[in-house]
């Protein structure tokens, strides 16, 4: 765009840069329509404003929602910005939206997802070894949900390895994998672990010799009728033959 000067020549028109407060309302409108996190660059292009001004406006909106105690908040997650309901209203939302639905992940799926999130990229066999069960079906479910995807192959074994997706970060409300909570607080205390290992390593006492059973009455030898007859003896318990 150009403007005409007093001497009849043209000169570039001055570019009007909007302020952060001027773009807050249109920013809200764009974010309300977004079904996934939107980057600062995409918002800046949509509004025709410098990216730095957009970031300033986003941060200002986020502070405003926090200070006024709104039921939602503006978070930067998954590389972009998106509205989220506040965690203190989770029970109300769960009862209204999640209650009765059968689409929630099973305990097995949640455990498998946790292993992949903290060990990624990780092979199916490694996940199975950690959990102690076959995980083929569970991983298929996680892939179908868009939470896990193949991320190449293991250099040594050639097996496919899996990693979490951008959708996982969005669902968990994380900006990156660096925001995953540390595992240390959930691990057993070192002293307790050493005590448990010591108990497992303790030698098992040898079983004591059982006392010999008491001697019972000696069995009487059975009489041999043929031997008795040859020796001229009458078998025990039988009558002697009487000659005529």
C-alpha atoms as a PDB file:
ATOM      1  CA  UNK A   1       0.000   0.000   0.000  1.00  0.00           C
ATOM      2  CA  UNK A   2       1.266   3.477  -0.890  1.00  0.00           C
ATOM      3  CA  UNK A   3       0.251   7.066  -0.159  1.00  0.00           C
ATOM      4  CA  UNK A   4       0.603  10.204  -2.301  1.00  0.00           C
ATOM      5  CA  UNK A   5       2.802  12.962  -0.933  1.00  0.00           C
ATOM      6  CA  UNK A   6       2.365  16.738  -1.356  1.00  0.00           C
ATOM      7  CA  UNK A   7       4.826  16.864  -4.237  1.00  0.00           C
ATOM      8  CA  UNK A   8       2.809  14.270  -6.161  1.00  0.00           C
ATOM      9  CA  UNK A   9       5.158  11.345  -5.527  1.00  0.00           C
ATOM     10  CA  UNK A  10       4.133   8.139  -3.823  1.00  0.00           C
ATOM     11  CA  UNK A  11       5.650   6.622  -0.721  1.00  0.00           C
ATOM     12  CA  UNK A  12       5.019   3.398   1.153  1.00  0.00           C
ATOM     13  CA  UNK A  13       2.218   3.761   3.645  1.00  0.00           C
ATOM     14  CA  UNK A  14       3.123   3.385   7.279  1.00  0.00           C
ATOM     15  CA  UNK A  15       2.338  -0.078   8.579  1.00  0.00           C
ATOM     16  CA  UNK A  16       0.009   0.040  11.556  1.00  0.00           C
ATOM     17  CA  UNK A  17       1.043  -2.578  14.105  1.00  0.00           C
ATOM     18  CA  UNK A  18      -1.821  -3.643  16.379  1.00  0.00           C
ATOM     19  CA  UNK A  19      -1.248  -3.718  20.103  1.00  0.00           C
ATOM     20  CA  UNK A  20      -1.664  -6.772  22.273  1.00  0.00           C
ATOM     21  CA  UNK A  21      -4.877  -5.457  23.820  1.00  0.00           C
ATOM     22  CA  UNK A  22      -6.372  -4.838  20.373  1.00  0.00           C
ATOM     23  CA  UNK A  23      -5.974  -8.444  19.259  1.00  0.00           C
ATOM     24  CA  UNK A  24      -7.097 -10.151  22.467  1.00  0.00           C
ATOM     25  CA  UNK A  25     -10.752 -10.391  21.383  1.00  0.00           C
ATOM     26  CA  UNK A  26     -10.037 -11.850  17.934  1.00  0.00           C
ATOM     27  CA  UNK A  27      -7.516 -14.190  19.538  1.00  0.00           C
ATOM     28  CA  UNK A  28     -10.250 -15.543  21.809  1.00  0.00           C
ATOM     29  CA  UNK A  29     -12.500 -16.090  18.808  1.00  0.00           C
ATOM     30  CA  UNK A  30      -9.819 -18.040  16.934  1.00  0.00           C
ATOM     31  CA  UNK A  31      -8.939 -20.170  19.941  1.00  0.00           C
ATOM     32  CA  UNK A  32     -12.577 -21.026  20.633  1.00  0.00           C
ATOM     33  CA  UNK A  33     -12.854 -22.485  17.137  1.00  0.00           C
ATOM     34  CA  UNK A  34      -9.595 -24.460  17.351  1.00  0.00           C
ATOM     35  CA  UNK A  35      -9.885 -28.207  17.912  1.00  0.00           C
ATOM     36  CA  UNK A  36      -6.136 -28.590  18.512  1.00  0.00           C
ATOM     37  CA  UNK A  37      -3.345 -26.404  19.906  1.00  0.00           C
ATOM     38  CA  UNK A  38      -2.580 -23.460  17.616  1.00  0.00           C
ATOM     39  CA  UNK A  39       0.926 -22.051  17.306  1.00  0.00           C
ATOM     40  CA  UNK A  40       1.816 -18.394  17.787  1.00  0.00           C
ATOM     41  CA  UNK A  41       2.928 -18.224  14.153  1.00  0.00           C
ATOM     42  CA  UNK A  42      -0.409 -19.491  12.847  1.00  0.00           C
ATOM     43  CA  UNK A  43      -2.293 -16.993  15.029  1.00  0.00           C
ATOM     44  CA  UNK A  44      -0.002 -14.164  13.948  1.00  0.00           C
ATOM     45  CA  UNK A  45      -0.617 -14.945  10.270  1.00  0.00           C
ATOM     46  CA  UNK A  46      -4.384 -15.095  10.829  1.00  0.00           C
ATOM     47  CA  UNK A  47      -4.424 -11.722  12.597  1.00  0.00           C
ATOM     48  CA  UNK A  48      -1.770  -9.962  10.539  1.00  0.00           C
ATOM     49  CA  UNK A  49       0.146  -9.115  13.682  1.00  0.00           C
ATOM     50  CA  UNK A  50       3.765  -9.668  14.722  1.00  0.00           C
ATOM     51  CA  UNK A  51       4.363 -12.929  16.532  1.00  0.00           C
ATOM     52  CA  UNK A  52       5.810 -11.117  19.560  1.00  0.00           C
ATOM     53  CA  UNK A  53       2.565  -9.109  19.930  1.00  0.00           C
ATOM     54  CA  UNK A  54       0.515 -12.318  19.696  1.00  0.00           C
ATOM     55  CA  UNK A  55       2.595 -13.946  22.434  1.00  0.00           C
ATOM     56  CA  UNK A  56       2.119 -10.887  24.626  1.00  0.00           C
ATOM     57  CA  UNK A  57      -1.644 -11.000  24.087  1.00  0.00           C
ATOM     58  CA  UNK A  58      -1.821 -14.745  24.813  1.00  0.00           C
ATOM     59  CA  UNK A  59       0.099 -14.391  28.050  1.00  0.00           C
ATOM     60  CA  UNK A  60      -2.102 -11.458  29.048  1.00  0.00           C
ATOM     61  CA  UNK A  61      -5.256 -13.508  28.426  1.00  0.00           C
ATOM     62  CA  UNK A  62      -3.862 -16.450  30.402  1.00  0.00           C
ATOM     63  CA  UNK A  63      -3.159 -14.188  33.395  1.00  0.00           C
ATOM     64  CA  UNK A  64      -6.604 -12.621  33.150  1.00  0.00           C
ATOM     65  CA  UNK A  65      -8.348 -16.008  33.260  1.00  0.00           C
ATOM     66  CA  UNK A  66      -6.254 -17.044  36.276  1.00  0.00           C
ATOM     67  CA  UNK A  67      -6.860 -13.825  38.184  1.00  0.00           C
ATOM     68  CA  UNK A  68     -10.613 -13.833  37.590  1.00  0.00           C
ATOM     69  CA  UNK A  69     -11.042 -17.509  38.465  1.00  0.00           C
ATOM     70  CA  UNK A  70     -12.691 -18.572  35.233  1.00  0.00           C
ATOM     71  CA  UNK A  71     -13.732 -22.198  34.789  1.00  0.00           C
ATOM     72  CA  UNK A  72     -11.232 -22.548  31.975  1.00  0.00           C
ATOM     73  CA  UNK A  73      -7.617 -21.590  31.364  1.00  0.00           C
ATOM     74  CA  UNK A  74      -5.390 -20.858  28.398  1.00  0.00           C
ATOM     75  CA  UNK A  75      -2.414 -23.191  28.229  1.00  0.00           C
ATOM     76  CA  UNK A  76       0.538 -23.651  25.934  1.00  0.00           C
ATOM     77  CA  UNK A  77       0.645 -27.392  25.239  1.00  0.00           C
ATOM     78  CA  UNK A  78       1.818 -29.556  22.370  1.00  0.00           C
ATOM     79  CA  UNK A  79       3.617 -26.651  20.725  1.00  0.00           C
ATOM     80  CA  UNK A  80       0.560 -24.369  20.646  1.00  0.00           C
ATOM     81  CA  UNK A  81      -2.172 -22.660  22.662  1.00  0.00           C
ATOM     82  CA  UNK A  82      -5.579 -24.050  23.575  1.00  0.00           C
ATOM     83  CA  UNK A  83      -8.379 -23.593  26.105  1.00  0.00           C
ATOM     84  CA  UNK A  84      -8.650 -26.183  28.874  1.00  0.00           C
ATOM     85  CA  UNK A  85     -11.118 -26.674  31.687  1.00  0.00           C
ATOM     86  CA  UNK A  86      -9.629 -26.248  35.129  1.00  0.00           C
ATOM     87  CA  UNK A  87      -8.614 -29.314  37.110  1.00  0.00           C
ATOM     88  CA  UNK A  88     -10.705 -28.298  40.129  1.00  0.00           C
ATOM     89  CA  UNK A  89     -13.848 -28.890  38.056  1.00  0.00           C
ATOM     90  CA  UNK A  90     -12.775 -32.376  36.925  1.00  0.00           C
ATOM     91  CA  UNK A  91     -15.397 -34.162  39.064  1.00  0.00           C
ATOM     92  CA  UNK A  92     -18.265 -32.158  37.584  1.00  0.00           C
ATOM     93  CA  UNK A  93     -17.019 -32.683  34.036  1.00  0.00           C
ATOM     94  CA  UNK A  94     -16.420 -36.403  34.580  1.00  0.00           C
ATOM     95  CA  UNK A  95     -19.919 -36.906  35.953  1.00  0.00           C
ATOM     96  CA  UNK A  96     -21.475 -35.025  33.041  1.00  0.00           C
ATOM     97  CA  UNK A  97     -19.334 -36.110  30.108  1.00  0.00           C
ATOM     98  CA  UNK A  98     -17.272 -39.149  30.996  1.00  0.00           C
ATOM     99  CA  UNK A  99     -19.725 -40.931  33.270  1.00  0.00           C
ATOM    100  CA  UNK A 100     -21.154 -44.072  31.718  1.00  0.00           C
ATOM    101  CA  UNK A 101     -18.919 -44.043  28.686  1.00  0.00           C
ATOM    102  CA  UNK A 102     -16.948 -47.194  27.853  1.00  0.00           C
ATOM    103  CA  UNK A 103     -14.255 -45.515  25.796  1.00  0.00           C
ATOM    104  CA  UNK A 104     -11.845 -45.030  28.660  1.00  0.00           C
ATOM    105  CA  UNK A 105      -8.492 -46.794  28.664  1.00  0.00           C
ATOM    106  CA  UNK A 106      -8.179 -49.947  30.715  1.00  0.00           C
ATOM    107  CA  UNK A 107      -5.674 -50.292  33.531  1.00  0.00           C
ATOM    108  CA  UNK A 108      -3.487 -52.448  31.283  1.00  0.00           C
ATOM    109  CA  UNK A 109      -3.546 -49.782  28.562  1.00  0.00           C
ATOM    110  CA  UNK A 110      -2.653 -47.033  31.035  1.00  0.00           C
ATOM    111  CA  UNK A 111       0.270 -49.042  32.413  1.00  0.00           C
ATOM    112  CA  UNK A 112       1.542 -49.811  28.911  1.00  0.00           C
ATOM    113  CA  UNK A 113       1.190 -46.165  27.889  1.00  0.00           C
ATOM    114  CA  UNK A 114       3.187 -45.106  30.950  1.00  0.00           C
ATOM    115  CA  UNK A 115       6.006 -47.534  30.104  1.00  0.00           C
ATOM    116  CA  UNK A 116       6.173 -46.242  26.521  1.00  0.00           C
ATOM    117  CA  UNK A 117       6.059 -42.603  27.645  1.00  0.00           C
ATOM    118  CA  UNK A 118       9.028 -42.984  30.005  1.00  0.00           C
ATOM    119  CA  UNK A 119      11.074 -45.508  27.986  1.00  0.00           C
ATOM    120  CA  UNK A 120      10.457 -44.318  24.408  1.00  0.00           C
ATOM    121  CA  UNK A 121      11.424 -45.218  21.832  1.00  0.00           C
ATOM    122  CA  UNK A 122      10.875 -48.759  23.092  1.00  0.00           C
ATOM    123  CA  UNK A 123      10.149 -52.083  21.427  1.00  0.00           C
ATOM    124  CA  UNK A 124       7.084 -54.219  22.040  1.00  0.00           C
ATOM    125  CA  UNK A 125       9.279 -56.916  23.572  1.00  0.00           C
ATOM    126  CA  UNK A 126      10.857 -54.491  26.030  1.00  0.00           C
ATOM    127  CA  UNK A 127       7.437 -53.260  27.169  1.00  0.00           C
ATOM    128  CA  UNK A 128       6.292 -56.861  27.613  1.00  0.00           C
ATOM    129  CA  UNK A 129       9.403 -57.646  29.671  1.00  0.00           C
ATOM    130  CA  UNK A 130       8.787 -54.668  31.980  1.00  0.00           C
ATOM    131  CA  UNK A 131       5.090 -55.470  32.480  1.00  0.00           C
ATOM    132  CA  UNK A 132       5.530 -59.225  32.554  1.00  0.00           C
ATOM    133  CA  UNK A 133       2.659 -59.878  30.151  1.00  0.00           C
ATOM    134  CA  UNK A 134       1.996 -59.888  26.404  1.00  0.00           C
ATOM    135  CA  UNK A 135       1.189 -56.346  25.222  1.00  0.00           C
ATOM    136  CA  UNK A 136       0.454 -56.834  21.517  1.00  0.00           C
ATOM    137  CA  UNK A 137      -3.269 -56.160  21.820  1.00  0.00           C
ATOM    138  CA  UNK A 138      -2.838 -53.221  24.179  1.00  0.00           C
ATOM    139  CA  UNK A 139      -0.334 -51.499  21.885  1.00  0.00           C
ATOM    140  CA  UNK A 140      -2.704 -51.956  18.949  1.00  0.00           C
ATOM    141  CA  UNK A 141      -5.383 -50.193  21.004  1.00  0.00           C
ATOM    142  CA  UNK A 142      -3.051 -47.307  21.845  1.00  0.00           C
ATOM    143  CA  UNK A 143      -2.050 -46.946  18.188  1.00  0.00           C
ATOM    144  CA  UNK A 144      -5.724 -46.960  17.153  1.00  0.00           C
ATOM    145  CA  UNK A 145      -6.430 -44.214  19.712  1.00  0.00           C
ATOM    146  CA  UNK A 146      -3.626 -42.101  18.221  1.00  0.00           C
ATOM    147  CA  UNK A 147      -1.678 -42.032  21.493  1.00  0.00           C
ATOM    148  CA  UNK A 148       1.227 -44.192  20.300  1.00  0.00           C
ATOM    149  CA  UNK A 149       2.921 -44.622  16.925  1.00  0.00           C
ATOM    150  CA  UNK A 150       5.808 -46.529  15.375  1.00  0.00           C
ATOM    151  CA  UNK A 151       9.024 -44.547  15.607  1.00  0.00           C
ATOM    152  CA  UNK A 152      11.453 -46.589  13.552  1.00  0.00           C
ATOM    153  CA  UNK A 153      13.276 -49.825  14.341  1.00  0.00           C
ATOM    154  CA  UNK A 154      15.765 -50.970  16.934  1.00  0.00           C
ATOM    155  CA  UNK A 155      19.320 -50.766  15.580  1.00  0.00           C
ATOM    156  CA  UNK A 156      20.322 -54.126  17.067  1.00  0.00           C
ATOM    157  CA  UNK A 157      17.237 -56.322  16.753  1.00  0.00           C
ATOM    158  CA  UNK A 158      15.388 -54.608  13.915  1.00  0.00           C
ATOM    159  CA  UNK A 159      12.171 -54.723  15.953  1.00  0.00           C
ATOM    160  CA  UNK A 160       9.722 -51.845  15.603  1.00  0.00           C
ATOM    161  CA  UNK A 161       9.915 -49.286  18.389  1.00  0.00           C
ATOM    162  CA  UNK A 162       7.066 -47.127  19.648  1.00  0.00           C
ATOM    163  CA  UNK A 163       6.767 -43.584  20.976  1.00  0.00           C
ATOM    164  CA  UNK A 164       3.984 -41.294  22.126  1.00  0.00           C
ATOM    165  CA  UNK A 165       2.322 -38.872  19.710  1.00  0.00           C
ATOM    166  CA  UNK A 166       1.432 -35.198  19.689  1.00  0.00           C
ATOM    167  CA  UNK A 167      -2.110 -36.235  20.622  1.00  0.00           C
ATOM    168  CA  UNK A 168      -0.707 -37.811  23.804  1.00  0.00           C
ATOM    169  CA  UNK A 169       0.818 -34.475  24.818  1.00  0.00           C
ATOM    170  CA  UNK A 170      -2.466 -32.710  24.128  1.00  0.00           C
ATOM    171  CA  UNK A 171      -4.531 -35.217  26.101  1.00  0.00           C
ATOM    172  CA  UNK A 172      -2.122 -35.030  29.030  1.00  0.00           C
ATOM    173  CA  UNK A 173      -1.871 -31.225  28.873  1.00  0.00           C
ATOM    174  CA  UNK A 174       1.909 -31.311  28.401  1.00  0.00           C
ATOM    175  CA  UNK A 175       4.042 -28.945  26.379  1.00  0.00           C
ATOM    176  CA  UNK A 176       6.707 -31.581  25.757  1.00  0.00           C
ATOM    177  CA  UNK A 177       7.972 -34.873  27.157  1.00  0.00           C
ATOM    178  CA  UNK A 178      10.201 -32.858  29.485  1.00  0.00           C
ATOM    179  CA  UNK A 179       7.033 -31.959  31.392  1.00  0.00           C
ATOM    180  CA  UNK A 180       6.354 -35.569  32.373  1.00  0.00           C
ATOM    181  CA  UNK A 181       6.334 -35.860  36.180  1.00  0.00           C
ATOM    182  CA  UNK A 182       9.474 -37.467  37.633  1.00  0.00           C
ATOM    183  CA  UNK A 183       9.261 -41.121  38.590  1.00  0.00           C
ATOM    184  CA  UNK A 184      11.464 -40.835  41.683  1.00  0.00           C
ATOM    185  CA  UNK A 185       8.639 -39.938  44.129  1.00  0.00           C
ATOM    186  CA  UNK A 186       6.761 -43.074  43.062  1.00  0.00           C
ATOM    187  CA  UNK A 187       9.693 -45.470  43.488  1.00  0.00           C
ATOM    188  CA  UNK A 188      10.240 -47.426  46.735  1.00  0.00           C
ATOM    189  CA  UNK A 189      12.616 -46.027  49.326  1.00  0.00           C
ATOM    190  CA  UNK A 190      16.201 -47.266  48.919  1.00  0.00           C
ATOM    191  CA  UNK A 191      16.282 -48.709  52.444  1.00  0.00           C
ATOM    192  CA  UNK A 192      13.015 -50.579  51.898  1.00  0.00           C
ATOM    193  CA  UNK A 193      14.268 -51.887  48.565  1.00  0.00           C
ATOM    194  CA  UNK A 194      17.546 -53.103  50.096  1.00  0.00           C
ATOM    195  CA  UNK A 195      15.662 -54.835  52.914  1.00  0.00           C
ATOM    196  CA  UNK A 196      13.401 -56.575  50.424  1.00  0.00           C
ATOM    197  CA  UNK A 197      16.347 -57.674  48.279  1.00  0.00           C
ATOM    198  CA  UNK A 198      18.210 -58.918  51.353  1.00  0.00           C
ATOM    199  CA  UNK A 199      15.198 -60.969  52.368  1.00  0.00           C
ATOM    200  CA  UNK A 200      15.021 -62.504  48.920  1.00  0.00           C
ATOM    201  CA  UNK A 201      18.741 -63.276  48.943  1.00  0.00           C
ATOM    202  CA  UNK A 202      18.754 -64.852  52.432  1.00  0.00           C
ATOM    203  CA  UNK A 203      19.615 -68.599  52.375  1.00  0.00           C
ATOM    204  CA  UNK A 204      16.700 -70.932  52.866  1.00  0.00           C
ATOM    205  CA  UNK A 205      17.247 -73.169  55.971  1.00  0.00           C
ATOM    206  CA  UNK A 206      17.721 -76.846  55.149  1.00  0.00           C
ATOM    207  CA  UNK A 207      14.836 -79.076  56.209  1.00  0.00           C
ATOM    208  CA  UNK A 208      15.494 -81.014  59.442  1.00  0.00           C
ATOM    209  CA  UNK A 209      15.734 -84.813  59.325  1.00  0.00           C
ATOM    210  CA  UNK A 210      12.435 -86.362  60.236  1.00  0.00           C
ATOM    211  CA  UNK A 211      12.607 -88.890  63.132  1.00  0.00           C
ATOM    212  CA  UNK A 212      12.428 -92.512  62.122  1.00  0.00           C
ATOM    213  CA  UNK A 213       9.010 -94.054  62.674  1.00  0.00           C
ATOM    214  CA  UNK A 214       8.723 -96.203  65.830  1.00  0.00           C
ATOM    215  CA  UNK A 215       9.375 -99.889  65.367  1.00  0.00           C
ATOM    216  CA  UNK A 216       6.157-101.847  65.151  1.00  0.00           C
ATOM    217  CA  UNK A 217       5.554-105.490  65.795  1.00  0.00           C
ATOM    218  CA  UNK A 218       7.639-107.730  63.640  1.00  0.00           C
ATOM    219  CA  UNK A 219       5.702-109.402  60.892  1.00  0.00           C
ATOM    220  CA  UNK A 220       5.464-113.134  61.350  1.00  0.00           C
ATOM    221  CA  UNK A 221       6.854-115.170  58.457  1.00  0.00           C
ATOM    222  CA  UNK A 222       4.249-116.965  56.473  1.00  0.00           C
ATOM    223  CA  UNK A 223       4.311-120.744  56.704  1.00  0.00           C
ATOM    224  CA  UNK A 224       5.175-122.655  53.575  1.00  0.00           C
ATOM    225  CA  UNK A 225       2.820-125.669  53.372  1.00  0.00           C
ATOM    226  CA  UNK A 226       5.067-127.577  50.936  1.00  0.00           C
ATOM    227  CA  UNK A 227       8.138-127.149  53.118  1.00  0.00           C
ATOM    228  CA  UNK A 228       6.181-128.254  56.171  1.00  0.00           C
ATOM    229  CA  UNK A 229       4.979-131.341  54.381  1.00  0.00           C
ATOM    230  CA  UNK A 230       8.488-132.294  53.332  1.00  0.00           C
ATOM    231  CA  UNK A 231       9.750-131.841  56.876  1.00  0.00           C
ATOM    232  CA  UNK A 232       6.923-133.902  58.350  1.00  0.00           C
ATOM    233  CA  UNK A 233       5.373-130.881  60.124  1.00  0.00           C
ATOM    234  CA  UNK A 234       1.731-130.019  60.222  1.00  0.00           C
ATOM    235  CA  UNK A 235       0.990-126.521  58.802  1.00  0.00           C
ATOM    236  CA  UNK A 236      -0.117-124.091  61.455  1.00  0.00           C
ATOM    237  CA  UNK A 237      -3.861-123.659  61.628  1.00  0.00           C
ATOM    238  CA  UNK A 238      -4.657-126.915  59.811  1.00  0.00           C
ATOM    239  CA  UNK A 239      -5.852-130.236  61.268  1.00  0.00           C
ATOM    240  CA  UNK A 240      -3.509-133.289  61.074  1.00  0.00           C
ATOM    241  CA  UNK A 241      -4.611-136.046  58.740  1.00  0.00           C
ATOM    242  CA  UNK A 242      -5.803-139.212  60.617  1.00  0.00           C
ATOM    243  CA  UNK A 243      -4.654-142.523  59.113  1.00  0.00           C
ATOM    244  CA  UNK A 244      -7.243-145.174  58.535  1.00  0.00           C
END
